[in-house]
C-alpha cells in the first residue's frame, strides 16, 4: 500500500506532515478584553462577606472544588478549594498546597457591598 496524502489512519483522514504545516495549524484567536483595574483606593468599595460556619470539622477530601472553608471554627481567614491539592487564601490570594486535613466548611456565603458616593 502506497502512502498518499489522503491515506486514512484509524478512520480519520490525515495529511502528510510537511515543513510548512508541521505542528499546530494556524488557529484564529479571539480578542478578549482585559480586566478593568481600579486606579486608586478611592475607586474601590467596601465588601463584607458573611456565611455560616459548620460546627464540626470536615475532611479535606469531602470538600468540592470552589467550596469555601476555614481552618478555624470561628470562620476567620476564609479559603477556597480550587483543586484536589490546592487552596487559595481569600485575604491575600496566595495558593497553598494541601495534602489532607480537617477544615470547617462555610455555607450560605453572601456578599454585601457598601458603595461610597463620589
PDB file of N, CA and C in Angstrom:
ATOM      1  N   UNK A   1       0.846  -1.176   0.000  1.00  0.00           N
ATOM      2  CA  UNK A   1       0.000   0.000   0.000  1.00  0.00           C
ATOM      3  C   UNK A   1       0.890   1.237   0.000  1.00  0.00           C
ATOM      4  N   UNK A   2       0.602   2.169  -0.892  1.00  0.00           N
ATOM      5  CA  UNK A   2       1.414   3.359  -1.015  1.00  0.00           C
ATOM      6  C   UNK A   2       0.912   4.448  -0.078  1.00  0.00           C
ATOM      7  N   UNK A   3       1.812   5.247   0.465  1.00  0.00           N
ATOM      8  CA  UNK A   3       1.429   6.358   1.341  1.00  0.00           C
ATOM      9  C   UNK A   3       1.051   7.547   0.480  1.00  0.00           C
ATOM     10  N   UNK A   4      -0.166   7.997   0.624  1.00  0.00           N
ATOM     11  CA  UNK A   4      -0.634   9.172  -0.102  1.00  0.00           C
ATOM     12  C   UNK A   4      -1.092  10.213   0.881  1.00  0.00           C
ATOM     13  N   UNK A   5      -1.391  11.397   0.356  1.00  0.00           N
ATOM     14  CA  UNK A   5      -1.797  12.482   1.245  1.00  0.00           C
ATOM     15  C   UNK A   5      -3.144  12.217   1.894  1.00  0.00           C
ATOM     16  N   UNK A   6      -4.015  11.495   1.219  1.00  0.00           N
ATOM     17  CA  UNK A   6      -5.353  11.276   1.767  1.00  0.00           C
ATOM     18  C   UNK A   6      -5.485   9.914   2.420  1.00  0.00           C
ATOM     19  N   UNK A   7      -4.397   9.296   2.837  1.00  0.00           N
ATOM     20  CA  UNK A   7      -4.444   7.997   3.473  1.00  0.00           C
ATOM     21  C   UNK A   7      -5.147   8.104   4.824  1.00  0.00           C
ATOM     22  N   UNK A   8      -6.008   7.149   5.099  1.00  0.00           N
ATOM     23  CA  UNK A   8      -6.737   7.195   6.363  1.00  0.00           C
ATOM     24  C   UNK A   8      -5.969   6.425   7.415  1.00  0.00           C
ATOM     25  N   UNK A   9      -6.054   6.913   8.641  1.00  0.00           N
ATOM     26  CA  UNK A   9      -5.404   6.286   9.771  1.00  0.00           C
ATOM     27  C   UNK A   9      -6.440   6.197  10.884  1.00  0.00           C
ATOM     28  N   UNK A  10      -6.853   5.005  11.241  1.00  0.00           N
ATOM     29  CA  UNK A  10      -7.874   4.790  12.264  1.00  0.00           C
ATOM     30  C   UNK A  10      -9.185   5.496  11.920  1.00  0.00           C
ATOM     31  N   UNK A  11      -9.540   5.503  10.665  1.00  0.00           N
ATOM     32  CA  UNK A  11     -10.808   6.079  10.261  1.00  0.00           C
ATOM     33  C   UNK A  11     -10.795   7.579  10.072  1.00  0.00           C
ATOM     34  N   UNK A  12      -9.666   8.236  10.255  1.00  0.00           N
ATOM     35  CA  UNK A  12      -9.594   9.686  10.062  1.00  0.00           C
ATOM     36  C   UNK A  12      -8.625   9.988   8.943  1.00  0.00           C
ATOM     37  N   UNK A  13      -8.919  11.008   8.174  1.00  0.00           N
ATOM     38  CA  UNK A  13      -8.024  11.401   7.097  1.00  0.00           C
ATOM     39  C   UNK A  13      -6.960  12.316   7.669  1.00  0.00           C
ATOM     40  N   UNK A  14      -5.743  12.103   7.278  1.00  0.00           N
ATOM     41  CA  UNK A  14      -4.655  12.944   7.751  1.00  0.00           C
ATOM     42  C   UNK A  14      -3.703  13.245   6.621  1.00  0.00           C
ATOM     43  N   UNK A  15      -3.269  14.451   6.538  1.00  0.00           N
ATOM     44  CA  UNK A  15      -2.315  14.845   5.519  1.00  0.00           C
ATOM     45  C   UNK A  15      -0.911  14.492   5.937  1.00  0.00           C
ATOM     46  N   UNK A  16      -0.028  14.451   4.998  1.00  0.00           N
ATOM     47  CA  UNK A  16       1.365  14.178   5.291  1.00  0.00           C
ATOM     48  C   UNK A  16       1.959  15.430   5.924  1.00  0.00           C
ATOM     49  N   UNK A  17       2.682  15.262   7.014  1.00  0.00           N
ATOM     50  CA  UNK A  17       3.294  16.396   7.712  1.00  0.00           C
ATOM     51  C   UNK A  17       4.462  16.908   6.897  1.00  0.00           C
ATOM     52  N   UNK A  18       4.347  18.103   6.398  1.00  0.00           N
ATOM     53  CA  UNK A  18       5.440  18.725   5.677  1.00  0.00           C
ATOM     54  C   UNK A  18       6.025  19.826   6.548  1.00  0.00           C
ATOM     55  N   UNK A  19       7.086  20.439   6.090  1.00  0.00           N
ATOM     56  CA  UNK A  19       7.726  21.503   6.849  1.00  0.00           C
ATOM     57  C   UNK A  19       6.766  22.683   7.003  1.00  0.00           C
ATOM     58  N   UNK A  20       5.958  22.946   5.982  1.00  0.00           N
ATOM     59  CA  UNK A  20       5.064  24.098   6.006  1.00  0.00           C
ATOM     60  C   UNK A  20       3.972  23.960   7.061  1.00  0.00           C
ATOM     61  N   UNK A  21       3.365  22.782   7.197  1.00  0.00           N
ATOM     62  CA  UNK A  21       2.263  22.625   8.150  1.00  0.00           C
ATOM     63  C   UNK A  21       2.647  21.746   9.336  1.00  0.00           C
ATOM     64  N   UNK A  22       3.917  21.720   9.669  1.00  0.00           N
ATOM     65  CA  UNK A  22       4.371  20.906  10.797  1.00  0.00           C
ATOM     66  C   UNK A  22       3.905  21.532  12.109  1.00  0.00           C
ATOM     67  N   UNK A  23       3.408  20.730  13.014  1.00  0.00           N
ATOM     68  CA  UNK A  23       2.940  21.223  14.308  1.00  0.00           C
ATOM     69  C   UNK A  23       1.497  21.683  14.235  1.00  0.00           C
ATOM     70  N   UNK A  24       1.139  22.634  15.052  1.00  0.00           N
ATOM     71  CA  UNK A  24      -0.236  23.124  15.106  1.00  0.00           C
ATOM     72  C   UNK A  24      -0.548  23.971  13.883  1.00  0.00           C
ATOM     73  N   UNK A  25      -1.775  23.849  13.422  1.00  0.00           N
ATOM     74  CA  UNK A  25      -2.194  24.690  12.306  1.00  0.00           C
ATOM     75  C   UNK A  25      -2.526  26.082  12.840  1.00  0.00           C
ATOM     76  N   UNK A  26      -2.649  27.018  11.945  1.00  0.00           N
ATOM     77  CA  UNK A  26      -2.974  28.384  12.343  1.00  0.00           C
ATOM     78  C   UNK A  26      -4.380  28.419  12.922  1.00  0.00           C
ATOM     79  N   UNK A  27      -4.479  28.806  14.173  1.00  0.00           N
ATOM     80  CA  UNK A  27      -5.761  28.876  14.861  1.00  0.00           C
ATOM     81  C   UNK A  27      -6.148  30.338  14.973  1.00  0.00           C
ATOM     82  N   UNK A  28      -7.360  30.639  14.571  1.00  0.00           N
ATOM     83  CA  UNK A  28      -7.835  32.003  14.671  1.00  0.00           C
ATOM     84  C   UNK A  28      -8.107  32.302  16.144  1.00  0.00           C
ATOM     85  N   UNK A  29      -7.427  33.275  16.700  1.00  0.00           N
ATOM     86  CA  UNK A  29      -7.566  33.593  18.117  1.00  0.00           C
ATOM     87  C   UNK A  29      -8.587  34.700  18.315  1.00  0.00           C
ATOM     88  N   UNK A  30      -9.349  34.560  19.386  1.00  0.00           N
ATOM     89  CA  UNK A  30     -10.313  35.597  19.743  1.00  0.00           C
ATOM     90  C   UNK A  30      -9.611  36.694  20.514  1.00  0.00           C
ATOM     91  N   UNK A  31     -10.035  37.898  20.293  1.00  0.00           N
ATOM     92  CA  UNK A  31      -9.514  39.008  21.082  1.00  0.00           C
ATOM     93  C   UNK A  31     -10.420  39.176  22.296  1.00  0.00           C
ATOM     94  N   UNK A  32      -9.873  38.976  23.470  1.00  0.00           N
ATOM     95  CA  UNK A  32     -10.635  39.125  24.702  1.00  0.00           C
ATOM     96  C   UNK A  32     -10.171  40.384  25.412  1.00  0.00           C
ATOM     97  N   UNK A  33     -11.117  41.180  25.904  1.00  0.00           N
ATOM     98  CA  UNK A  33     -10.716  42.408  26.601  1.00  0.00           C
ATOM     99  C   UNK A  33     -10.074  42.089  27.948  1.00  0.00           C
ATOM    100  N   UNK A  34      -9.208  42.969  28.403  1.00  0.00           N
ATOM    101  CA  UNK A  34      -8.563  42.776  29.696  1.00  0.00           C
ATOM    102  C   UNK A  34      -9.500  43.222  30.816  1.00  0.00           C
ATOM    103  N   UNK A  35      -9.181  42.820  32.027  1.00  0.00           N
ATOM    104  CA  UNK A  35      -9.980  43.212  33.182  1.00  0.00           C
ATOM    105  C   UNK A  35      -9.747  44.680  33.505  1.00  0.00           C
ATOM    106  N   UNK A  36     -10.805  45.392  33.870  1.00  0.00           N
ATOM    107  CA  UNK A  36     -10.596  46.787  34.274  1.00  0.00           C
ATOM    108  C   UNK A  36      -9.921  46.833  35.645  1.00  0.00           C
ATOM    109  N   UNK A  37      -9.098  47.824  35.862  1.00  0.00           N
ATOM    110  CA  UNK A  37      -8.413  47.954  37.146  1.00  0.00           C
ATOM    111  C   UNK A  37      -8.857  49.229  37.837  1.00  0.00           C
ATOM    112  N   UNK A  38      -8.788  49.203  39.149  1.00  0.00           N
ATOM    113  CA  UNK A  38      -9.089  50.403  39.928  1.00  0.00           C
ATOM    114  C   UNK A  38      -7.815  51.225  40.007  1.00  0.00           C
ATOM    115  N   UNK A  39      -7.933  52.498  39.742  1.00  0.00           N
ATOM    116  CA  UNK A  39      -6.736  53.331  39.709  1.00  0.00           C
ATOM    117  C   UNK A  39      -6.273  53.748  41.105  1.00  0.00           C
ATOM    118  N   UNK A  40      -7.180  53.796  42.073  1.00  0.00           N
ATOM    119  CA  UNK A  40      -6.781  54.169  43.430  1.00  0.00           C
ATOM    120  C   UNK A  40      -7.756  53.553  44.435  1.00  0.00           C
ATOM    121  N   UNK A  41      -7.414  53.678  45.703  1.00  0.00           N
ATOM    122  CA  UNK A  41      -8.298  53.138  46.742  1.00  0.00           C
ATOM    123  C   UNK A  41      -9.638  53.861  46.788  1.00  0.00           C
ATOM    124  N   UNK A  42      -9.674  55.112  46.370  1.00  0.00           N
ATOM    125  CA  UNK A  42     -10.937  55.855  46.387  1.00  0.00           C
ATOM    126  C   UNK A  42     -11.928  55.303  45.354  1.00  0.00           C
ATOM    127  N   UNK A  43     -11.438  54.552  44.348  1.00  0.00           N
ATOM    128  CA  UNK A  43     -12.318  53.943  43.358  1.00  0.00           C
ATOM    129  C   UNK A  43     -12.896  52.618  43.827  1.00  0.00           C
ATOM    130  N   UNK A  44     -12.421  52.101  44.961  1.00  0.00           N
ATOM    131  CA  UNK A  44     -12.864  50.793  45.453  1.00  0.00           C
ATOM    132  C   UNK A  44     -13.983  50.948  46.470  1.00  0.00           C
ATOM    133  N   UNK A  45     -14.790  49.890  46.592  1.00  0.00           N
ATOM    134  CA  UNK A  45     -15.883  49.854  47.550  1.00  0.00           C
ATOM    135  C   UNK A  45     -15.590  48.837  48.642  1.00  0.00           C
ATOM    136  N   UNK A  46     -16.187  49.035  49.807  1.00  0.00           N
ATOM    137  CA  UNK A  46     -16.030  48.128  50.934  1.00  0.00           C
ATOM    138  C   UNK A  46     -16.944  46.921  50.739  1.00  0.00           C
ATOM    139  N   UNK A  47     -16.385  45.708  50.818  1.00  0.00           N
ATOM    140  CA  UNK A  47     -17.178  44.480  50.698  1.00  0.00           C
ATOM    141  C   UNK A  47     -17.085  43.699  51.999  1.00  0.00           C
ATOM    142  N   UNK A  48     -18.212  43.148  52.428  1.00  0.00           N
ATOM    143  CA  UNK A  48     -18.275  42.340  53.637  1.00  0.00           C
ATOM    144  C   UNK A  48     -18.819  40.970  53.269  1.00  0.00           C
ATOM    145  N   UNK A  49     -18.121  39.916  53.691  1.00  0.00           N
ATOM    146  CA  UNK A  49     -18.529  38.552  53.412  1.00  0.00           C
ATOM    147  C   UNK A  49     -19.128  37.953  54.669  1.00  0.00           C
ATOM    148  N   UNK A  50     -20.317  37.359  54.550  1.00  0.00           N
ATOM    149  CA  UNK A  50     -20.962  36.703  55.690  1.00  0.00           C
ATOM    150  C   UNK A  50     -21.348  35.299  55.279  1.00  0.00           C
ATOM    151  N   UNK A  51     -21.234  34.362  56.207  1.00  0.00           N
ATOM    152  CA  UNK A  51     -21.592  32.981  55.925  1.00  0.00           C
ATOM    153  C   UNK A  51     -21.782  32.209  57.209  1.00  0.00           C
ATOM    154  N   UNK A  52     -22.265  30.993  57.083  1.00  0.00           N
ATOM    155  CA  UNK A  52     -22.466  30.104  58.214  1.00  0.00           C
ATOM    156  C   UNK A  52     -21.351  29.076  58.235  1.00  0.00           C
ATOM    157  N   UNK A  53     -20.673  28.955  59.363  1.00  0.00           N
ATOM    158  CA  UNK A  53     -19.555  28.024  59.500  1.00  0.00           C
ATOM    159  C   UNK A  53     -20.047  26.778  60.215  1.00  0.00           C
ATOM    160  N   UNK A  54     -19.757  25.598  59.633  1.00  0.00           N
ATOM    161  CA  UNK A  54     -20.133  24.336  60.276  1.00  0.00           C
ATOM    162  C   UNK A  54     -19.440  24.212  61.623  1.00  0.00           C
ATOM    163  N   UNK A  55     -20.136  23.606  62.574  1.00  0.00           N
ATOM    164  CA  UNK A  55     -19.555  23.453  63.909  1.00  0.00           C
ATOM    165  C   UNK A  55     -18.661  22.217  64.006  1.00  0.00           C
ATOM    166  N   UNK A  56     -18.807  21.287  63.082  1.00  0.00           N
ATOM    167  CA  UNK A  56     -17.958  20.089  63.089  1.00  0.00           C
ATOM    168  C   UNK A  56     -17.003  20.141  61.903  1.00  0.00           C
ATOM    169  N   UNK A  57     -15.756  19.756  62.109  1.00  0.00           N
ATOM    170  CA  UNK A  57     -14.791  19.788  61.004  1.00  0.00           C
ATOM    171  C   UNK A  57     -15.098  18.731  59.944  1.00  0.00           C
ATOM    172  N   UNK A  58     -14.693  19.021  58.716  1.00  0.00           N
ATOM    173  CA  UNK A  58     -14.899  18.141  57.560  1.00  0.00           C
ATOM    174  C   UNK A  58     -13.536  17.747  57.006  1.00  0.00           C
ATOM    175  N   UNK A  59     -13.429  16.542  56.489  1.00  0.00           N
ATOM    176  CA  UNK A  59     -12.190  16.108  55.859  1.00  0.00           C
ATOM    177  C   UNK A  59     -11.986  16.863  54.551  1.00  0.00           C
ATOM    178  N   UNK A  60     -10.746  17.178  54.223  1.00  0.00           N
ATOM    179  CA  UNK A  60     -10.391  17.910  53.004  1.00  0.00           C
ATOM    180  C   UNK A  60     -10.934  17.211  51.764  1.00  0.00           C
ATOM    181  N   UNK A  61     -10.874  15.894  51.735  1.00  0.00           N
ATOM    182  CA  UNK A  61     -11.305  15.140  50.556  1.00  0.00           C
ATOM    183  C   UNK A  61     -12.800  15.268  50.288  1.00  0.00           C
ATOM    184  N   UNK A  62     -13.595  15.609  51.301  1.00  0.00           N
ATOM    185  CA  UNK A  62     -15.047  15.723  51.131  1.00  0.00           C
ATOM    186  C   UNK A  62     -15.477  17.085  50.597  1.00  0.00           C
ATOM    187  N   UNK A  63     -14.577  18.067  50.600  1.00  0.00           N
ATOM    188  CA  UNK A  63     -14.913  19.374  50.032  1.00  0.00           C
ATOM    189  C   UNK A  63     -14.912  19.285  48.513  1.00  0.00           C
ATOM    190  N   UNK A  64     -15.844  19.983  47.879  1.00  0.00           N
ATOM    191  CA  UNK A  64     -15.870  20.067  46.420  1.00  0.00           C
ATOM    192  C   UNK A  64     -14.985  21.227  45.987  1.00  0.00           C
ATOM    193  N   UNK A  65     -14.569  21.210  44.728  1.00  0.00           N
ATOM    194  CA  UNK A  65     -13.785  22.327  44.200  1.00  0.00           C
ATOM    195  C   UNK A  65     -14.611  23.605  44.257  1.00  0.00           C
ATOM    196  N   UNK A  66     -13.957  24.712  44.552  1.00  0.00           N
ATOM    197  CA  UNK A  66     -14.532  26.058  44.665  1.00  0.00           C
ATOM    198  C   UNK A  66     -15.497  26.181  45.841  1.00  0.00           C
ATOM    199  N   UNK A  67     -15.327  25.353  46.845  1.00  0.00           N
ATOM    200  CA  UNK A  67     -16.114  25.453  48.074  1.00  0.00           C
ATOM    201  C   UNK A  67     -15.295  26.210  49.115  1.00  0.00           C
ATOM    202  N   UNK A  68     -15.959  27.082  49.867  1.00  0.00           N
ATOM    203  CA  UNK A  68     -15.293  27.899  50.874  1.00  0.00           C
ATOM    204  C   UNK A  68     -15.123  27.102  52.165  1.00  0.00           C
ATOM    205  N   UNK A  69     -14.010  27.363  52.868  1.00  0.00           N
ATOM    206  CA  UNK A  69     -13.757  26.709  54.145  1.00  0.00           C
ATOM    207  C   UNK A  69     -12.838  27.574  54.977  1.00  0.00           C
ATOM    208  N   UNK A  70     -12.682  27.200  56.232  1.00  0.00           N
ATOM    209  CA  UNK A  70     -11.771  27.888  57.134  1.00  0.00           C
ATOM    210  C   UNK A  70     -11.044  26.840  57.961  1.00  0.00           C
ATOM    211  N   UNK A  71      -9.853  27.168  58.413  1.00  0.00           N
ATOM    212  CA  UNK A  71      -9.110  26.250  59.268  1.00  0.00           C
ATOM    213  C   UNK A  71      -9.501  26.398  60.727  1.00  0.00           C
ATOM    214  N   UNK A  72     -10.223  27.470  61.056  1.00  0.00           N
ATOM    215  CA  UNK A  72     -10.636  27.691  62.439  1.00  0.00           C
ATOM    216  C   UNK A  72     -12.156  27.618  62.534  1.00  0.00           C
ATOM    217  N   UNK A  73     -12.640  27.279  63.712  1.00  0.00           N
ATOM    218  CA  UNK A  73     -14.074  27.100  63.924  1.00  0.00           C
ATOM    219  C   UNK A  73     -14.849  28.412  63.858  1.00  0.00           C
ATOM    220  N   UNK A  74     -14.168  29.545  64.064  1.00  0.00           N
ATOM    221  CA  UNK A  74     -14.879  30.827  64.010  1.00  0.00           C
ATOM    222  C   UNK A  74     -14.986  31.376  62.586  1.00  0.00           C
ATOM    223  N   UNK A  75     -14.394  30.708  61.591  1.00  0.00           N
ATOM    224  CA  UNK A  75     -14.504  31.117  60.199  1.00  0.00           C
ATOM    225  C   UNK A  75     -13.538  32.209  59.781  1.00  0.00           C
ATOM    226  N   UNK A  76     -12.583  32.533  60.630  1.00  0.00           N
ATOM    227  CA  UNK A  76     -11.635  33.584  60.259  1.00  0.00           C
ATOM    228  C   UNK A  76     -10.695  33.073  59.163  1.00  0.00           C
ATOM    229  N   UNK A  77     -10.185  33.977  58.370  1.00  0.00           N
ATOM    230  CA  UNK A  77      -9.308  33.683  57.235  1.00  0.00           C
ATOM    231  C   UNK A  77      -9.914  32.629  56.302  1.00  0.00           C
ATOM    232  N   UNK A  78     -11.009  32.979  55.626  1.00  0.00           N
ATOM    233  CA  UNK A  78     -11.637  32.007  54.724  1.00  0.00           C
ATOM    234  C   UNK A  78     -10.737  31.663  53.545  1.00  0.00           C
ATOM    235  N   UNK A  79     -10.897  30.447  53.051  1.00  0.00           N
ATOM    236  CA  UNK A  79     -10.138  29.946  51.912  1.00  0.00           C
ATOM    237  C   UNK A  79     -11.090  29.271  50.943  1.00  0.00           C
ATOM    238  N   UNK A  80     -10.594  28.988  49.734  1.00  0.00           N
ATOM    239  CA  UNK A  80     -11.393  28.301  48.738  1.00  0.00           C
ATOM    240  C   UNK A  80     -10.576  27.145  48.168  1.00  0.00           C
ATOM    241  N   UNK A  81     -11.189  25.963  48.099  1.00  0.00           N
ATOM    242  CA  UNK A  81     -10.536  24.817  47.495  1.00  0.00           C
ATOM    243  C   UNK A  81     -10.639  24.973  45.979  1.00  0.00           C
ATOM    244  N   UNK A  82      -9.510  24.910  45.266  1.00  0.00           N
ATOM    245  CA  UNK A  82      -9.529  25.084  43.815  1.00  0.00           C
ATOM    246  C   UNK A  82      -9.157  23.815  43.062  1.00  0.00           C
ATOM    247  N   UNK A  83      -8.569  22.847  43.728  1.00  0.00           N
ATOM    248  CA  UNK A  83      -8.291  21.543  43.127  1.00  0.00           C
ATOM    249  C   UNK A  83      -8.103  20.538  44.256  1.00  0.00           C
ATOM    250  N   UNK A  84      -7.789  19.297  43.899  1.00  0.00           N
ATOM    251  CA  UNK A  84      -7.652  18.277  44.942  1.00  0.00           C
ATOM    252  C   UNK A  84      -6.432  18.503  45.823  1.00  0.00           C
ATOM    253  N   UNK A  85      -5.509  19.377  45.403  1.00  0.00           N
ATOM    254  CA  UNK A  85      -4.301  19.596  46.196  1.00  0.00           C
ATOM    255  C   UNK A  85      -3.969  21.070  46.425  1.00  0.00           C
ATOM    256  N   UNK A  86      -4.895  21.993  46.081  1.00  0.00           N
ATOM    257  CA  UNK A  86      -4.605  23.418  46.240  1.00  0.00           C
ATOM    258  C   UNK A  86      -5.794  24.167  46.822  1.00  0.00           C
ATOM    259  N   UNK A  87      -5.459  25.183  47.616  1.00  0.00           N
ATOM    260  CA  UNK A  87      -6.458  26.095  48.161  1.00  0.00           C
ATOM    261  C   UNK A  87      -5.930  27.517  48.006  1.00  0.00           C
ATOM    262  N   UNK A  88      -6.848  28.475  47.906  1.00  0.00           N
ATOM    263  CA  UNK A  88      -6.478  29.878  47.773  1.00  0.00           C
ATOM    264  C   UNK A  88      -6.937  30.616  49.021  1.00  0.00           C
ATOM    265  N   UNK A  89      -6.033  31.373  49.633  1.00  0.00           N
ATOM    266  CA  UNK A  89      -6.392  32.200  50.775  1.00  0.00           C
ATOM    267  C   UNK A  89      -7.087  33.451  50.239  1.00  0.00           C
ATOM    268  N   UNK A  90      -8.277  33.746  50.729  1.00  0.00           N
ATOM    269  CA  UNK A  90      -9.072  34.845  50.196  1.00  0.00           C
ATOM    270  C   UNK A  90      -8.445  36.200  50.526  1.00  0.00           C
ATOM    271  N   UNK A  91      -7.890  36.357  51.714  1.00  0.00           N
ATOM    272  CA  UNK A  91      -7.402  37.677  52.135  1.00  0.00           C
ATOM    273  C   UNK A  91      -6.163  38.142  51.371  1.00  0.00           C
ATOM    274  N   UNK A  92      -5.333  37.217  50.853  1.00  0.00           N
ATOM    275  CA  UNK A  92      -4.143  37.658  50.116  1.00  0.00           C
ATOM    276  C   UNK A  92      -3.971  36.958  48.764  1.00  0.00           C
ATOM    277  N   UNK A  93      -4.893  36.120  48.375  1.00  0.00           N
ATOM    278  CA  UNK A  93      -4.939  35.431  47.080  1.00  0.00           C
ATOM    279  C   UNK A  93      -3.720  34.548  46.831  1.00  0.00           C
ATOM    280  N   UNK A  94      -3.117  34.030  47.860  1.00  0.00           N
ATOM    281  CA  UNK A  94      -1.974  33.138  47.699  1.00  0.00           C
ATOM    282  C   UNK A  94      -2.434  31.690  47.661  1.00  0.00           C
ATOM    283  N   UNK A  95      -1.778  30.902  46.819  1.00  0.00           N
ATOM    284  CA  UNK A  95      -2.109  29.484  46.683  1.00  0.00           C
ATOM    285  C   UNK A  95      -1.366  28.706  47.749  1.00  0.00           C
ATOM    286  N   UNK A  96      -2.066  27.749  48.343  1.00  0.00           N
ATOM    287  CA  UNK A  96      -1.494  26.927  49.402  1.00  0.00           C
ATOM    288  C   UNK A  96      -1.637  25.469  48.988  1.00  0.00           C
ATOM    289  N   UNK A  97      -0.569  24.700  49.043  1.00  0.00           N
ATOM    290  CA  UNK A  97      -0.621  23.283  48.713  1.00  0.00           C
ATOM    291  C   UNK A  97      -1.194  22.520  49.913  1.00  0.00           C
ATOM    292  N   UNK A  98      -2.119  21.597  49.647  1.00  0.00           N
ATOM    293  CA  UNK A  98      -2.783  20.845  50.707  1.00  0.00           C
ATOM    294  C   UNK A  98      -2.776  19.367  50.348  1.00  0.00           C
ATOM    295  N   UNK A  99      -2.389  18.531  51.299  1.00  0.00           N
ATOM    296  CA  UNK A  99      -2.420  17.087  51.086  1.00  0.00           C
ATOM    297  C   UNK A  99      -3.635  16.456  51.717  1.00  0.00           C
ATOM    298  N   UNK A 100      -3.885  16.789  52.961  1.00  0.00           N
ATOM    299  CA  UNK A 100      -5.047  16.272  53.681  1.00  0.00           C
ATOM    300  C   UNK A 100      -5.237  17.117  54.930  1.00  0.00           C
ATOM    301  N   UNK A 101      -6.294  16.847  55.659  1.00  0.00           N
ATOM    302  CA  UNK A 101      -6.543  17.575  56.896  1.00  0.00           C
ATOM    303  C   UNK A 101      -8.023  17.786  57.130  1.00  0.00           C
ATOM    304  N   UNK A 102      -8.311  18.510  58.202  1.00  0.00           N
ATOM    305  CA  UNK A 102      -9.701  18.800  58.567  1.00  0.00           C
ATOM    306  C   UNK A 102      -9.906  20.305  58.533  1.00  0.00           C
ATOM    307  N   UNK A 103     -11.087  20.713  58.092  1.00  0.00           N
ATOM    308  CA  UNK A 103     -11.401  22.133  57.982  1.00  0.00           C
ATOM    309  C   UNK A 103     -12.884  22.338  58.252  1.00  0.00           C
ATOM    310  N   UNK A 104     -13.273  23.584  58.387  1.00  0.00           N
ATOM    311  CA  UNK A 104     -14.662  23.941  58.674  1.00  0.00           C
ATOM    312  C   UNK A 104     -15.287  24.544  57.420  1.00  0.00           C
ATOM    313  N   UNK A 105     -16.316  23.894  56.916  1.00  0.00           N
ATOM    314  CA  UNK A 105     -16.990  24.328  55.694  1.00  0.00           C
ATOM    315  C   UNK A 105     -17.776  25.610  55.957  1.00  0.00           C
ATOM    316  N   UNK A 106     -17.735  26.546  55.009  1.00  0.00           N
ATOM    317  CA  UNK A 106     -18.505  27.789  55.100  1.00  0.00           C
ATOM    318  C   UNK A 106     -19.652  27.706  54.102  1.00  0.00           C
ATOM    319  N   UNK A 107     -20.886  27.786  54.600  1.00  0.00           N
ATOM    320  CA  UNK A 107     -22.081  27.677  53.765  1.00  0.00           C
ATOM    321  C   UNK A 107     -22.797  29.022  53.669  1.00  0.00           C
ATOM    322  N   UNK A 108     -23.682  29.135  52.696  1.00  0.00           N
ATOM    323  CA  UNK A 108     -24.543  30.317  52.522  1.00  0.00           C
ATOM    324  C   UNK A 108     -23.744  31.611  52.560  1.00  0.00           C
ATOM    325  N   UNK A 109     -22.676  31.642  51.794  1.00  0.00           N
ATOM    326  CA  UNK A 109     -21.829  32.831  51.743  1.00  0.00           C
ATOM    327  C   UNK A 109     -22.554  33.936  50.991  1.00  0.00           C
ATOM    328  N   UNK A 110     -22.655  35.096  51.616  1.00  0.00           N
ATOM    329  CA  UNK A 110     -23.273  36.250  50.962  1.00  0.00           C
ATOM    330  C   UNK A 110     -22.320  37.431  51.045  1.00  0.00           C
ATOM    331  N   UNK A 111     -22.437  38.310  50.070  1.00  0.00           N
ATOM    332  CA  UNK A 111     -21.542  39.456  49.979  1.00  0.00           C
ATOM    333  C   UNK A 111     -22.385  40.717  49.988  1.00  0.00           C
ATOM    334  N   UNK A 112     -22.044  41.647  50.851  1.00  0.00           N
ATOM    335  CA  UNK A 112     -22.699  42.954  50.821  1.00  0.00           C
ATOM    336  C   UNK A 112     -21.636  43.997  50.508  1.00  0.00           C
ATOM    337  N   UNK A 113     -21.958  44.892  49.579  1.00  0.00           N
ATOM    338  CA  UNK A 113     -21.019  45.902  49.128  1.00  0.00           C
ATOM    339  C   UNK A 113     -21.547  47.268  49.511  1.00  0.00           C
ATOM    340  N   UNK A 114     -20.705  48.042  50.168  1.00  0.00           N
ATOM    341  CA  UNK A 114     -21.063  49.400  50.556  1.00  0.00           C
ATOM    342  C   UNK A 114     -20.475  50.358  49.528  1.00  0.00           C
ATOM    343  N   UNK A 115     -21.349  50.994  48.762  1.00  0.00           N
ATOM    344  CA  UNK A 115     -20.901  51.912  47.707  1.00  0.00           C
ATOM    345  C   UNK A 115     -20.766  53.307  48.298  1.00  0.00           C
ATOM    346  N   UNK A 116     -19.601  53.896  48.091  1.00  0.00           N
ATOM    347  CA  UNK A 116     -19.368  55.240  48.590  1.00  0.00           C
ATOM    348  C   UNK A 116     -19.678  56.238  47.470  1.00  0.00           C
ATOM    349  N   UNK A 117     -20.464  57.262  47.754  1.00  0.00           N
ATOM    350  CA  UNK A 117     -20.773  58.262  46.714  1.00  0.00           C
ATOM    351  C   UNK A 117     -19.539  59.082  46.378  1.00  0.00           C
ATOM    352  N   UNK A 118     -19.471  59.482  45.112  1.00  0.00           N
ATOM    353  CA  UNK A 118     -18.295  60.247  44.677  1.00  0.00           C
ATOM    354  C   UNK A 118     -18.598  61.716  44.601  1.00  0.00           C
TER     355      UNK A 118
END
